Amino acid sequence: MSGFWDFEYTGQVMPDLLSGLLVTIQATGIGYALALTLGLVIAMVRRVPLFGSVVHFLMEFIRTTPLVIQLVFVFALAPANVSAFTIGVVVLGIHYAAYTAEVYRSGIEGVAKGQWEAARALSLPGTRTWGAIVLPQAIRKVIPALGNYLIAMFKDTPLLFAIGVVELLAVAQQVGSRDFRYVETFTIVGLLFLVVSVPSAILIRRLEKRYVAV
């Protein structure tokens, strides 16, 4: 067992891997916040006849092209003074906004037609209709689906390695290449992803039972 797994070496490389995990979590958190915000804006804009078709085409283009290609393409065109981390977070956010927008759209369309008609009958302004009637009902029902995309984004952050972001996978690659030991490093990477993803999945299932059943 000692020849296959070195516990002393594991302890030595763990701080480096945890620093990479921190970058991964940061990229996921910022990118997800962007995806949630931009996705909601997109879902609302799609209801405007003048812009709906254009936005729909752009979202389809983003969803049907690989994320890694988008990362490399934007990185190649971006100014030299923009960090790879910033580019990665923005591309992640925009890419997943194309998916969260569809989730929001399904929630908005699920609001009963009578709710819209009641708002118009009361002559409520658009901001009041959206903020007090439509969005509270729509978002509550789609929270579990939005949570699933958080986990998906977290698992996609290793693709940032393609543009030089030193996240968890990049650190593992560097450490493994330096010491010529890959079993410990990549096994720990898999375990760290599980440590974060599994509790998140359990939380999402609980949210689903709470909100979808209502």
N, C-alpha and C. Protein backbone atom coordinates (compact mmCIF):
# COMPACT_ATOMS: atom_id res chain seq x y z
N MET A 1 0.83 -1.21 0.00
CA MET A 1 0.00 0.00 0.00
C MET A 1 0.86 1.25 0.00
N SER A 2 2.02 1.20 0.71
CA SER A 2 2.87 2.37 0.79
C SER A 2 3.44 2.76 -0.56
N GLY A 3 3.63 1.74 -1.45
CA GLY A 3 4.15 2.06 -2.77
C GLY A 3 3.08 2.65 -3.67
N PHE A 4 1.82 2.39 -3.36
CA PHE A 4 0.72 2.90 -4.18
C PHE A 4 0.24 4.26 -3.68
N TRP A 5 0.19 4.41 -2.37
CA TRP A 5 -0.33 5.66 -1.79
C TRP A 5 0.59 6.12 -0.67
N ASP A 6 1.04 7.35 -0.77
CA ASP A 6 1.94 7.93 0.22
C ASP A 6 1.18 8.98 1.02
N PHE A 7 0.86 8.64 2.27
CA PHE A 7 0.09 9.55 3.10
C PHE A 7 0.88 10.80 3.47
N GLU A 8 2.18 10.66 3.63
CA GLU A 8 3.00 11.83 3.94
C GLU A 8 3.00 12.80 2.77
N TYR A 9 3.12 12.26 1.57
CA TYR A 9 3.08 13.11 0.38
C TYR A 9 1.72 13.78 0.23
N THR A 10 0.66 13.03 0.57
CA THR A 10 -0.69 13.59 0.51
C THR A 10 -0.82 14.81 1.40
N GLY A 11 -0.26 14.72 2.60
CA GLY A 11 -0.30 15.86 3.50
C GLY A 11 0.49 17.05 2.99
N GLN A 12 1.57 16.76 2.25
CA GLN A 12 2.40 17.83 1.72
C GLN A 12 1.70 18.62 0.61
N VAL A 13 0.97 17.89 -0.25
CA VAL A 13 0.36 18.56 -1.41
C VAL A 13 -1.05 19.08 -1.12
N MET A 14 -1.62 18.68 0.02
CA MET A 14 -2.98 19.09 0.31
C MET A 14 -3.17 20.61 0.36
N PRO A 15 -2.26 21.38 0.97
CA PRO A 15 -2.45 22.85 0.97
C PRO A 15 -2.51 23.43 -0.45
N ASP A 16 -1.66 22.93 -1.34
CA ASP A 16 -1.69 23.43 -2.72
C ASP A 16 -3.03 23.11 -3.38
N LEU A 17 -3.52 21.90 -3.17
CA LEU A 17 -4.78 21.50 -3.78
C LEU A 17 -5.96 22.27 -3.19
N LEU A 18 -5.91 22.55 -1.91
CA LEU A 18 -6.98 23.33 -1.29
C LEU A 18 -6.99 24.77 -1.81
N SER A 19 -5.80 25.30 -2.10
CA SER A 19 -5.75 26.65 -2.69
C SER A 19 -6.37 26.64 -4.08
N GLY A 20 -6.16 25.56 -4.83
CA GLY A 20 -6.80 25.42 -6.13
C GLY A 20 -8.30 25.27 -6.00
N LEU A 21 -8.75 24.55 -4.97
CA LEU A 21 -10.19 24.40 -4.73
C LEU A 21 -10.82 25.74 -4.42
N LEU A 22 -10.10 26.59 -3.69
CA LEU A 22 -10.63 27.92 -3.37
C LEU A 22 -10.86 28.73 -4.64
N VAL A 23 -9.92 28.66 -5.57
CA VAL A 23 -10.09 29.36 -6.85
C VAL A 23 -11.29 28.79 -7.61
N THR A 24 -11.44 27.48 -7.58
CA THR A 24 -12.57 26.83 -8.25
C THR A 24 -13.90 27.31 -7.65
N ILE A 25 -13.96 27.36 -6.33
CA ILE A 25 -15.19 27.80 -5.67
C ILE A 25 -15.47 29.27 -5.97
N GLN A 26 -14.43 30.09 -5.98
CA GLN A 26 -14.61 31.51 -6.30
C GLN A 26 -15.14 31.69 -7.71
N ALA A 27 -14.55 30.97 -8.66
CA ALA A 27 -14.99 31.07 -10.06
C ALA A 27 -16.43 30.61 -10.19
N THR A 28 -16.78 29.56 -9.48
CA THR A 28 -18.16 29.05 -9.54
C THR A 28 -19.14 30.05 -8.94
N GLY A 29 -18.79 30.59 -7.78
CA GLY A 29 -19.69 31.52 -7.11
C GLY A 29 -19.95 32.78 -7.91
N ILE A 30 -18.87 33.38 -8.42
CA ILE A 30 -19.04 34.62 -9.20
C ILE A 30 -19.73 34.34 -10.52
N GLY A 31 -19.32 33.27 -11.18
CA GLY A 31 -19.95 32.92 -12.46
C GLY A 31 -21.41 32.59 -12.30
N TYR A 32 -21.76 31.91 -11.22
CA TYR A 32 -23.16 31.54 -10.99
C TYR A 32 -24.01 32.76 -10.70
N ALA A 33 -23.47 33.69 -9.92
CA ALA A 33 -24.21 34.93 -9.65
C ALA A 33 -24.48 35.68 -10.95
N LEU A 34 -23.49 35.71 -11.83
CA LEU A 34 -23.68 36.35 -13.13
C LEU A 34 -24.71 35.61 -13.96
N ALA A 35 -24.66 34.28 -13.94
CA ALA A 35 -25.61 33.48 -14.71
C ALA A 35 -27.04 33.68 -14.22
N LEU A 36 -27.23 33.75 -12.91
CA LEU A 36 -28.57 33.97 -12.36
C LEU A 36 -29.11 35.34 -12.76
N THR A 37 -28.27 36.36 -12.65
CA THR A 37 -28.72 37.72 -12.94
C THR A 37 -28.97 37.90 -14.44
N LEU A 38 -28.01 37.53 -15.25
CA LEU A 38 -28.14 37.71 -16.69
C LEU A 38 -29.23 36.82 -17.26
N GLY A 39 -29.36 35.62 -16.72
CA GLY A 39 -30.41 34.70 -17.19
C GLY A 39 -31.80 35.28 -16.98
N LEU A 40 -32.01 35.93 -15.82
CA LEU A 40 -33.31 36.54 -15.54
C LEU A 40 -33.58 37.69 -16.51
N VAL A 41 -32.56 38.50 -16.75
CA VAL A 41 -32.72 39.61 -17.71
C VAL A 41 -33.07 39.08 -19.09
N ILE A 42 -32.38 38.04 -19.51
CA ILE A 42 -32.63 37.45 -20.83
C ILE A 42 -34.05 36.91 -20.92
N ALA A 43 -34.48 36.21 -19.87
CA ALA A 43 -35.83 35.64 -19.88
C ALA A 43 -36.89 36.73 -20.00
N MET A 44 -36.67 37.86 -19.37
CA MET A 44 -37.63 38.95 -19.43
C MET A 44 -37.57 39.65 -20.79
N VAL A 45 -36.37 39.82 -21.33
CA VAL A 45 -36.22 40.48 -22.63
C VAL A 45 -36.83 39.64 -23.74
N ARG A 46 -36.77 38.32 -23.59
CA ARG A 46 -37.32 37.44 -24.63
C ARG A 46 -38.82 37.62 -24.80
N ARG A 47 -39.49 38.21 -23.83
CA ARG A 47 -40.92 38.44 -23.95
C ARG A 47 -41.23 39.71 -24.74
N VAL A 48 -40.18 40.46 -25.08
CA VAL A 48 -40.36 41.66 -25.90
C VAL A 48 -40.25 41.26 -27.36
N PRO A 49 -41.31 41.43 -28.16
CA PRO A 49 -41.31 40.94 -29.54
C PRO A 49 -40.14 41.43 -30.38
N LEU A 50 -39.71 42.66 -30.17
CA LEU A 50 -38.67 43.23 -31.00
C LEU A 50 -37.32 42.56 -30.78
N PHE A 51 -37.06 42.12 -29.55
CA PHE A 51 -35.75 41.56 -29.22
C PHE A 51 -35.78 40.05 -29.00
N GLY A 52 -36.95 39.48 -28.84
CA GLY A 52 -37.05 38.07 -28.48
C GLY A 52 -36.36 37.13 -29.44
N SER A 53 -36.56 37.33 -30.75
CA SER A 53 -35.98 36.42 -31.73
C SER A 53 -34.46 36.52 -31.76
N VAL A 54 -33.94 37.74 -31.66
CA VAL A 54 -32.49 37.93 -31.67
C VAL A 54 -31.85 37.28 -30.46
N VAL A 55 -32.44 37.51 -29.29
CA VAL A 55 -31.91 36.94 -28.06
C VAL A 55 -31.98 35.42 -28.11
N HIS A 56 -33.08 34.89 -28.63
CA HIS A 56 -33.24 33.44 -28.74
C HIS A 56 -32.14 32.84 -29.62
N PHE A 57 -31.83 33.48 -30.73
CA PHE A 57 -30.77 32.99 -31.62
C PHE A 57 -29.42 33.00 -30.90
N LEU A 58 -29.12 34.07 -30.19
CA LEU A 58 -27.84 34.15 -29.48
C LEU A 58 -27.74 33.08 -28.40
N MET A 59 -28.82 32.85 -27.67
CA MET A 59 -28.80 31.84 -26.63
C MET A 59 -28.64 30.44 -27.20
N GLU A 60 -29.27 30.17 -28.33
CA GLU A 60 -29.12 28.87 -28.98
C GLU A 60 -27.68 28.67 -29.44
N PHE A 61 -27.07 29.72 -29.95
CA PHE A 61 -25.68 29.64 -30.40
C PHE A 61 -24.76 29.31 -29.23
N ILE A 62 -24.99 29.96 -28.10
CA ILE A 62 -24.16 29.72 -26.93
C ILE A 62 -24.35 28.30 -26.40
N ARG A 63 -25.60 27.85 -26.35
CA ARG A 63 -25.86 26.51 -25.82
C ARG A 63 -25.32 25.40 -26.70
N THR A 64 -25.25 25.64 -28.00
CA THR A 64 -24.87 24.57 -28.93
C THR A 64 -23.40 24.60 -29.32
N THR A 65 -22.61 25.46 -28.72
CA THR A 65 -21.17 25.46 -28.96
C THR A 65 -20.45 25.09 -27.66
N PRO A 66 -19.35 24.34 -27.75
CA PRO A 66 -18.68 23.86 -26.53
C PRO A 66 -18.15 25.02 -25.68
N LEU A 67 -18.27 24.86 -24.38
CA LEU A 67 -17.80 25.88 -23.45
C LEU A 67 -16.30 26.11 -23.59
N VAL A 68 -15.54 25.04 -23.78
CA VAL A 68 -14.09 25.21 -23.88
C VAL A 68 -13.70 26.03 -25.11
N ILE A 69 -14.45 25.89 -26.20
CA ILE A 69 -14.18 26.68 -27.40
C ILE A 69 -14.49 28.15 -27.12
N GLN A 70 -15.58 28.41 -26.42
CA GLN A 70 -15.92 29.79 -26.06
C GLN A 70 -14.84 30.42 -25.19
N LEU A 71 -14.32 29.64 -24.24
CA LEU A 71 -13.27 30.14 -23.36
C LEU A 71 -12.02 30.52 -24.14
N VAL A 72 -11.57 29.62 -24.99
CA VAL A 72 -10.35 29.87 -25.76
C VAL A 72 -10.54 31.02 -26.74
N PHE A 73 -11.70 31.09 -27.36
CA PHE A 73 -11.98 32.14 -28.35
C PHE A 73 -11.97 33.52 -27.70
N VAL A 74 -12.68 33.65 -26.58
CA VAL A 74 -12.75 34.94 -25.90
C VAL A 74 -11.38 35.30 -25.33
N PHE A 75 -10.68 34.33 -24.80
CA PHE A 75 -9.35 34.58 -24.24
C PHE A 75 -8.39 35.10 -25.32
N ALA A 76 -8.51 34.56 -26.53
CA ALA A 76 -7.63 34.98 -27.62
C ALA A 76 -7.94 36.40 -28.08
N LEU A 77 -9.20 36.84 -27.95
CA LEU A 77 -9.59 38.16 -28.42
C LEU A 77 -9.53 39.23 -27.33
N ALA A 78 -9.48 38.81 -26.08
CA ALA A 78 -9.54 39.76 -24.97
C ALA A 78 -8.24 40.57 -24.88
N PRO A 79 -8.32 41.80 -24.36
CA PRO A 79 -7.11 42.61 -24.15
C PRO A 79 -6.14 41.91 -23.20
N ALA A 80 -4.87 42.18 -23.36
CA ALA A 80 -3.84 41.51 -22.57
C ALA A 80 -3.93 41.85 -21.08
N ASN A 81 -4.53 43.00 -20.76
CA ASN A 81 -4.59 43.41 -19.35
C ASN A 81 -5.78 42.80 -18.60
N VAL A 82 -6.58 41.98 -19.28
CA VAL A 82 -7.69 41.29 -18.62
C VAL A 82 -7.21 39.91 -18.19
N SER A 83 -7.39 39.60 -16.92
CA SER A 83 -6.87 38.33 -16.40
C SER A 83 -7.65 37.14 -16.93
N ALA A 84 -6.98 36.00 -16.96
CA ALA A 84 -7.63 34.77 -17.40
C ALA A 84 -8.78 34.40 -16.47
N PHE A 85 -8.62 34.68 -15.18
CA PHE A 85 -9.70 34.38 -14.23
C PHE A 85 -10.95 35.18 -14.55
N THR A 86 -10.78 36.47 -14.84
CA THR A 86 -11.92 37.32 -15.18
C THR A 86 -12.61 36.82 -16.43
N ILE A 87 -11.82 36.49 -17.44
CA ILE A 87 -12.39 35.98 -18.69
C ILE A 87 -13.15 34.68 -18.43
N GLY A 88 -12.54 33.80 -17.66
CA GLY A 88 -13.18 32.52 -17.38
C GLY A 88 -14.50 32.68 -16.66
N VAL A 89 -14.53 33.56 -15.66
CA VAL A 89 -15.76 33.78 -14.89
C VAL A 89 -16.86 34.37 -15.77
N VAL A 90 -16.50 35.34 -16.60
CA VAL A 90 -17.49 35.98 -17.47
C VAL A 90 -18.05 34.98 -18.49
N VAL A 91 -17.16 34.21 -19.10
CA VAL A 91 -17.62 33.23 -20.10
C VAL A 91 -18.49 32.16 -19.44
N LEU A 92 -18.08 31.70 -18.26
CA LEU A 92 -18.90 30.74 -17.53
C LEU A 92 -20.28 31.31 -17.24
N GLY A 93 -20.31 32.56 -16.77
CA GLY A 93 -21.58 33.18 -16.43
C GLY A 93 -22.48 33.33 -17.63
N ILE A 94 -21.93 33.79 -18.75
CA ILE A 94 -22.74 33.98 -19.96
C ILE A 94 -23.21 32.63 -20.50
N HIS A 95 -22.31 31.65 -20.50
CA HIS A 95 -22.68 30.33 -21.01
C HIS A 95 -23.85 29.74 -20.22
N TYR A 96 -23.76 29.81 -18.92
CA TYR A 96 -24.83 29.23 -18.10
C TYR A 96 -26.06 30.13 -18.02
N ALA A 97 -25.89 31.41 -18.33
CA ALA A 97 -27.06 32.29 -18.40
C ALA A 97 -28.01 31.82 -19.50
N ALA A 98 -27.44 31.24 -20.57
CA ALA A 98 -28.27 30.72 -21.65
C ALA A 98 -29.16 29.59 -21.16
N TYR A 99 -28.71 28.87 -20.15
CA TYR A 99 -29.51 27.78 -19.59
C TYR A 99 -30.46 28.27 -18.50
N THR A 100 -29.95 29.13 -17.62
CA THR A 100 -30.83 29.64 -16.56
C THR A 100 -31.96 30.49 -17.14
N ALA A 101 -31.71 31.13 -18.28
CA ALA A 101 -32.77 31.91 -18.92
C ALA A 101 -33.95 31.02 -19.29
N GLU A 102 -33.65 29.82 -19.78
CA GLU A 102 -34.73 28.88 -20.13
C GLU A 102 -35.47 28.42 -18.89
N VAL A 103 -34.74 28.25 -17.80
CA VAL A 103 -35.39 27.85 -16.54
C VAL A 103 -36.32 28.95 -16.06
N TYR A 104 -35.82 30.18 -16.07
CA TYR A 104 -36.67 31.31 -15.68
C TYR A 104 -37.89 31.40 -16.60
N ARG A 105 -37.67 31.22 -17.91
CA ARG A 105 -38.76 31.34 -18.87
C ARG A 105 -39.87 30.34 -18.57
N SER A 106 -39.47 29.11 -18.24
CA SER A 106 -40.48 28.10 -17.92
C SER A 106 -41.25 28.47 -16.66
N GLY A 107 -40.55 29.06 -15.70
CA GLY A 107 -41.23 29.49 -14.48
C GLY A 107 -42.18 30.64 -14.74
N ILE A 108 -41.75 31.59 -15.56
CA ILE A 108 -42.61 32.74 -15.89
C ILE A 108 -43.84 32.29 -16.65
N GLU A 109 -43.65 31.40 -17.62
CA GLU A 109 -44.79 30.91 -18.39
C GLU A 109 -45.73 30.05 -17.56
N GLY A 110 -45.21 29.54 -16.42
CA GLY A 110 -46.05 28.73 -15.55
C GLY A 110 -46.95 29.55 -14.64
N VAL A 111 -46.73 30.85 -14.61
CA VAL A 111 -47.62 31.71 -13.82
C VAL A 111 -48.99 31.78 -14.51
N ALA A 112 -50.02 31.57 -13.75
CA ALA A 112 -51.37 31.51 -14.33
C ALA A 112 -51.70 32.80 -15.09
N LYS A 113 -52.37 32.61 -16.22
CA LYS A 113 -52.75 33.76 -17.05
C LYS A 113 -53.62 34.75 -16.28
N GLY A 114 -54.40 34.22 -15.35
CA GLY A 114 -55.26 35.08 -14.56
C GLY A 114 -54.48 36.07 -13.70
N GLN A 115 -53.27 35.71 -13.33
CA GLN A 115 -52.44 36.61 -12.53
C GLN A 115 -52.05 37.85 -13.34
N TRP A 116 -51.71 37.62 -14.61
CA TRP A 116 -51.37 38.74 -15.49
C TRP A 116 -52.60 39.62 -15.72
N GLU A 117 -53.73 38.98 -15.96
CA GLU A 117 -54.96 39.73 -16.24
C GLU A 117 -55.39 40.54 -15.02
N ALA A 118 -55.21 39.97 -13.83
CA ALA A 118 -55.56 40.69 -12.61
C ALA A 118 -54.67 41.92 -12.43
N ALA A 119 -53.40 41.77 -12.76
CA ALA A 119 -52.48 42.90 -12.65
C ALA A 119 -52.87 44.02 -13.61
N ARG A 120 -53.26 43.63 -14.83
CA ARG A 120 -53.69 44.64 -15.80
C ARG A 120 -55.00 45.29 -15.37
N ALA A 121 -55.89 44.49 -14.79
CA ALA A 121 -57.17 45.03 -14.35
C ALA A 121 -56.99 46.05 -13.23
N LEU A 122 -55.96 45.83 -12.41
CA LEU A 122 -55.68 46.76 -11.32
C LEU A 122 -54.79 47.92 -11.75
N SER A 123 -54.43 47.92 -13.05
CA SER A 123 -53.57 48.97 -13.61
C SER A 123 -52.22 49.08 -12.89
N LEU A 124 -51.70 47.92 -12.50
CA LEU A 124 -50.39 47.91 -11.84
C LEU A 124 -49.30 48.21 -12.86
N PRO A 125 -48.30 48.99 -12.47
CA PRO A 125 -47.18 49.24 -13.38
C PRO A 125 -46.40 47.95 -13.63
N GLY A 126 -45.63 47.93 -14.72
CA GLY A 126 -44.89 46.72 -15.08
C GLY A 126 -43.93 46.27 -13.99
N THR A 127 -43.24 47.22 -13.36
CA THR A 127 -42.29 46.86 -12.31
C THR A 127 -42.99 46.18 -11.13
N ARG A 128 -44.20 46.67 -10.82
CA ARG A 128 -44.97 46.09 -9.71
C ARG A 128 -45.48 44.70 -10.09
N THR A 129 -45.91 44.55 -11.32
CA THR A 129 -46.42 43.26 -11.79
C THR A 129 -45.32 42.20 -11.73
N TRP A 130 -44.15 42.55 -12.24
CA TRP A 130 -43.04 41.60 -12.24
C TRP A 130 -42.52 41.35 -10.82
N GLY A 131 -42.29 42.42 -10.08
CA GLY A 131 -41.64 42.28 -8.78
C GLY A 131 -42.51 41.70 -7.69
N ALA A 132 -43.81 41.96 -7.73
CA ALA A 132 -44.68 41.53 -6.64
C ALA A 132 -45.55 40.33 -6.98
N ILE A 133 -45.76 40.07 -8.27
CA ILE A 133 -46.70 39.01 -8.64
C ILE A 133 -46.01 37.88 -9.42
N VAL A 134 -45.37 38.22 -10.52
CA VAL A 134 -44.86 37.19 -11.43
C VAL A 134 -43.60 36.51 -10.90
N LEU A 135 -42.57 37.30 -10.63
CA LEU A 135 -41.28 36.71 -10.26
C LEU A 135 -41.31 35.91 -8.95
N PRO A 136 -41.99 36.37 -7.90
CA PRO A 136 -42.03 35.55 -6.68
C PRO A 136 -42.61 34.16 -6.93
N GLN A 137 -43.63 34.07 -7.78
CA GLN A 137 -44.21 32.77 -8.08
C GLN A 137 -43.32 31.95 -8.99
N ALA A 138 -42.75 32.60 -10.00
CA ALA A 138 -41.95 31.89 -11.00
C ALA A 138 -40.65 31.36 -10.41
N ILE A 139 -39.94 32.18 -9.66
CA ILE A 139 -38.61 31.80 -9.17
C ILE A 139 -38.70 30.69 -8.13
N ARG A 140 -39.73 30.75 -7.28
CA ARG A 140 -39.84 29.72 -6.24
C ARG A 140 -39.93 28.33 -6.84
N LYS A 141 -40.62 28.19 -7.95
CA LYS A 141 -40.81 26.89 -8.57
C LYS A 141 -39.56 26.38 -9.30
N VAL A 142 -38.67 27.28 -9.67
CA VAL A 142 -37.51 26.85 -10.47
C VAL A 142 -36.21 26.82 -9.66
N ILE A 143 -36.30 27.03 -8.35
CA ILE A 143 -35.10 27.01 -7.52
C ILE A 143 -34.34 25.69 -7.65
N PRO A 144 -34.99 24.52 -7.59
CA PRO A 144 -34.23 23.27 -7.74
C PRO A 144 -33.49 23.17 -9.07
N ALA A 145 -34.14 23.58 -10.16
CA ALA A 145 -33.50 23.51 -11.47
C ALA A 145 -32.30 24.45 -11.54
N LEU A 146 -32.44 25.62 -10.96
CA LEU A 146 -31.31 26.56 -10.92
C LEU A 146 -30.17 25.98 -10.09
N GLY A 147 -30.50 25.29 -9.03
CA GLY A 147 -29.47 24.66 -8.19
C GLY A 147 -28.69 23.60 -8.93
N ASN A 148 -29.36 22.87 -9.80
CA ASN A 148 -28.66 21.85 -10.59
C ASN A 148 -27.59 22.47 -11.48
N TYR A 149 -27.85 23.66 -11.99
CA TYR A 149 -26.86 24.32 -12.83
C TYR A 149 -25.67 24.83 -12.00
N LEU A 150 -25.88 25.06 -10.73
CA LEU A 150 -24.75 25.42 -9.86
C LEU A 150 -23.77 24.26 -9.79
N ILE A 151 -24.28 23.07 -9.60
CA ILE A 151 -23.41 21.89 -9.54
C ILE A 151 -22.74 21.66 -10.89
N ALA A 152 -23.51 21.82 -11.97
CA ALA A 152 -22.95 21.62 -13.31
C ALA A 152 -21.82 22.61 -13.58
N MET A 153 -22.00 23.85 -13.17
CA MET A 153 -20.95 24.85 -13.37
C MET A 153 -19.71 24.50 -12.55
N PHE A 154 -19.92 24.07 -11.33
CA PHE A 154 -18.79 23.68 -10.48
C PHE A 154 -17.97 22.58 -11.14
N LYS A 155 -18.65 21.62 -11.75
CA LYS A 155 -17.94 20.52 -12.41
C LYS A 155 -17.31 20.93 -13.73
N ASP A 156 -17.75 22.06 -14.29
CA ASP A 156 -17.16 22.55 -15.54
C ASP A 156 -15.98 23.48 -15.33
N THR A 157 -15.73 23.90 -14.10
CA THR A 157 -14.62 24.83 -13.86
C THR A 157 -13.25 24.27 -14.25
N PRO A 158 -13.02 22.95 -14.25
CA PRO A 158 -11.72 22.48 -14.74
C PRO A 158 -11.41 22.91 -16.18
N LEU A 159 -12.44 23.27 -16.95
CA LEU A 159 -12.19 23.73 -18.32
C LEU A 159 -11.43 25.05 -18.34
N LEU A 160 -11.45 25.79 -17.22
CA LEU A 160 -10.68 27.03 -17.14
C LEU A 160 -9.18 26.77 -17.26
N PHE A 161 -8.79 25.53 -17.04
CA PHE A 161 -7.40 25.12 -17.22
C PHE A 161 -6.92 25.42 -18.64
N ALA A 162 -7.85 25.41 -19.60
CA ALA A 162 -7.51 25.64 -21.01
C ALA A 162 -6.99 27.04 -21.28
N ILE A 163 -7.35 28.00 -20.42
CA ILE A 163 -6.89 29.38 -20.63
C ILE A 163 -5.91 29.83 -19.55
N GLY A 164 -5.41 28.87 -18.78
CA GLY A 164 -4.36 29.19 -17.83
C GLY A 164 -4.80 29.57 -16.43
N VAL A 165 -6.08 29.39 -16.11
CA VAL A 165 -6.53 29.68 -14.74
C VAL A 165 -6.05 28.55 -13.84
N VAL A 166 -5.38 28.89 -12.76
CA VAL A 166 -4.81 27.87 -11.87
C VAL A 166 -5.86 27.46 -10.84
N GLU A 167 -6.83 26.70 -11.32
CA GLU A 167 -7.86 26.17 -10.42
C GLU A 167 -7.42 24.79 -9.95
N LEU A 168 -8.35 24.02 -9.40
CA LEU A 168 -8.01 22.77 -8.75
C LEU A 168 -7.32 21.79 -9.69
N LEU A 169 -7.86 21.58 -10.88
CA LEU A 169 -7.26 20.63 -11.81
C LEU A 169 -5.88 21.09 -12.27
N ALA A 170 -5.73 22.39 -12.50
CA ALA A 170 -4.43 22.92 -12.93
C ALA A 170 -3.38 22.72 -11.85
N VAL A 171 -3.75 22.94 -10.60
CA VAL A 171 -2.81 22.72 -9.50
C VAL A 171 -2.41 21.26 -9.43
N ALA A 172 -3.38 20.37 -9.57
CA ALA A 172 -3.08 18.93 -9.54
C ALA A 172 -2.13 18.55 -10.67
N GLN A 173 -2.34 19.11 -11.85
CA GLN A 173 -1.46 18.83 -12.98
C GLN A 173 -0.04 19.34 -12.71
N GLN A 174 0.05 20.52 -12.16
CA GLN A 174 1.37 21.09 -11.85
C GLN A 174 2.10 20.28 -10.79
N VAL A 175 1.39 19.92 -9.73
CA VAL A 175 2.00 19.16 -8.65
C VAL A 175 2.39 17.77 -9.14
N GLY A 176 1.52 17.13 -9.90
CA GLY A 176 1.82 15.80 -10.41
C GLY A 176 3.01 15.80 -11.35
N SER A 177 3.11 16.80 -12.21
CA SER A 177 4.22 16.89 -13.14
C SER A 177 5.53 17.19 -12.41
N ARG A 178 5.44 17.98 -11.36
CA ARG A 178 6.64 18.34 -10.60
C ARG A 178 7.22 17.15 -9.85
N ASP A 179 6.33 16.35 -9.26
CA ASP A 179 6.78 15.25 -8.39
C ASP A 179 6.63 13.88 -9.05
N PHE A 180 6.08 13.85 -10.26
CA PHE A 180 5.85 12.59 -10.96
C PHE A 180 5.01 11.62 -10.13
N ARG A 181 4.02 12.18 -9.45
CA ARG A 181 3.06 11.38 -8.68
C ARG A 181 1.67 11.91 -9.02
N TYR A 182 0.88 11.07 -9.67
CA TYR A 182 -0.44 11.49 -10.13
C TYR A 182 -1.57 10.79 -9.37
N VAL A 183 -1.28 9.61 -8.80
CA VAL A 183 -2.34 8.87 -8.13
C VAL A 183 -2.93 9.68 -6.99
N GLU A 184 -2.06 10.17 -6.10
CA GLU A 184 -2.55 10.92 -4.94
C GLU A 184 -3.23 12.22 -5.37
N THR A 185 -2.57 12.97 -6.27
CA THR A 185 -3.10 14.30 -6.61
C THR A 185 -4.47 14.22 -7.27
N PHE A 186 -4.61 13.37 -8.28
CA PHE A 186 -5.89 13.33 -9.00
C PHE A 186 -6.98 12.61 -8.21
N THR A 187 -6.57 11.68 -7.36
CA THR A 187 -7.57 11.06 -6.48
C THR A 187 -8.14 12.09 -5.50
N ILE A 188 -7.25 12.91 -4.94
CA ILE A 188 -7.70 13.96 -4.02
C ILE A 188 -8.60 14.95 -4.75
N VAL A 189 -8.26 15.29 -5.99
CA VAL A 189 -9.10 16.20 -6.77
C VAL A 189 -10.52 15.64 -6.89
N GLY A 190 -10.62 14.37 -7.24
CA GLY A 190 -11.94 13.75 -7.35
C GLY A 190 -12.69 13.78 -6.03
N LEU A 191 -11.98 13.50 -4.94
CA LEU A 191 -12.62 13.51 -3.62
C LEU A 191 -13.08 14.91 -3.22
N LEU A 192 -12.27 15.91 -3.54
CA LEU A 192 -12.65 17.29 -3.21
C LEU A 192 -13.89 17.72 -3.98
N PHE A 193 -13.97 17.31 -5.24
CA PHE A 193 -15.18 17.62 -6.01
C PHE A 193 -16.39 16.94 -5.39
N LEU A 194 -16.21 15.71 -4.92
CA LEU A 194 -17.32 15.00 -4.28
C LEU A 194 -17.72 15.68 -2.98
N VAL A 195 -16.73 16.12 -2.21
CA VAL A 195 -17.01 16.76 -0.91
C VAL A 195 -17.88 18.00 -1.09
N VAL A 196 -17.68 18.70 -2.19
CA VAL A 196 -18.48 19.91 -2.44
C VAL A 196 -19.79 19.56 -3.15
N SER A 197 -19.75 18.67 -4.12
CA SER A 197 -20.91 18.40 -4.97
C SER A 197 -22.00 17.61 -4.25
N VAL A 198 -21.62 16.60 -3.48
CA VAL A 198 -22.62 15.74 -2.85
C VAL A 198 -23.49 16.51 -1.85
N PRO A 199 -22.92 17.28 -0.91
CA PRO A 199 -23.80 18.06 -0.02
C PRO A 199 -24.68 19.04 -0.79
N SER A 200 -24.14 19.61 -1.87
CA SER A 200 -24.93 20.55 -2.67
C SER A 200 -26.11 19.83 -3.31
N ALA A 201 -25.87 18.62 -3.82
CA ALA A 201 -26.96 17.84 -4.43
C ALA A 201 -28.03 17.48 -3.41
N ILE A 202 -27.61 17.14 -2.20
CA ILE A 202 -28.57 16.82 -1.13
C ILE A 202 -29.42 18.04 -0.80
N LEU A 203 -28.78 19.20 -0.71
CA LEU A 203 -29.50 20.44 -0.42
C LEU A 203 -30.51 20.75 -1.51
N ILE A 204 -30.13 20.54 -2.76
CA ILE A 204 -31.03 20.82 -3.88
C ILE A 204 -32.24 19.89 -3.85
N ARG A 205 -32.01 18.63 -3.51
CA ARG A 205 -33.14 17.69 -3.41
C ARG A 205 -34.12 18.11 -2.32
N ARG A 206 -33.58 18.64 -1.23
CA ARG A 206 -34.46 19.11 -0.16
C ARG A 206 -35.25 20.34 -0.60
N LEU A 207 -34.58 21.22 -1.33
CA LEU A 207 -35.29 22.39 -1.85
C LEU A 207 -36.40 21.97 -2.82
N GLU A 208 -36.09 20.95 -3.61
CA GLU A 208 -37.09 20.45 -4.57
C GLU A 208 -38.32 19.92 -3.84
N LYS A 209 -38.10 19.15 -2.77
CA LYS A 209 -39.23 18.61 -2.01
C LYS A 209 -40.03 19.74 -1.36
N ARG A 210 -39.34 20.79 -0.96
CA ARG A 210 -40.02 21.87 -0.25
C ARG A 210 -40.81 22.76 -1.20
N TYR A 211 -40.21 23.13 -2.34
CA TYR A 211 -40.83 24.13 -3.19
C TYR A 211 -41.68 23.55 -4.31
N VAL A 212 -41.23 22.45 -4.91
CA VAL A 212 -42.00 21.89 -6.02
C VAL A 212 -43.28 21.25 -5.52
N ALA A 213 -43.24 20.71 -4.31
CA ALA A 213 -44.43 20.06 -3.77
C ALA A 213 -45.48 21.05 -3.35
N VAL A 214 -45.08 22.32 -3.17
CA VAL A 214 -46.05 23.33 -2.69
C VAL A 214 -47.03 23.70 -3.79
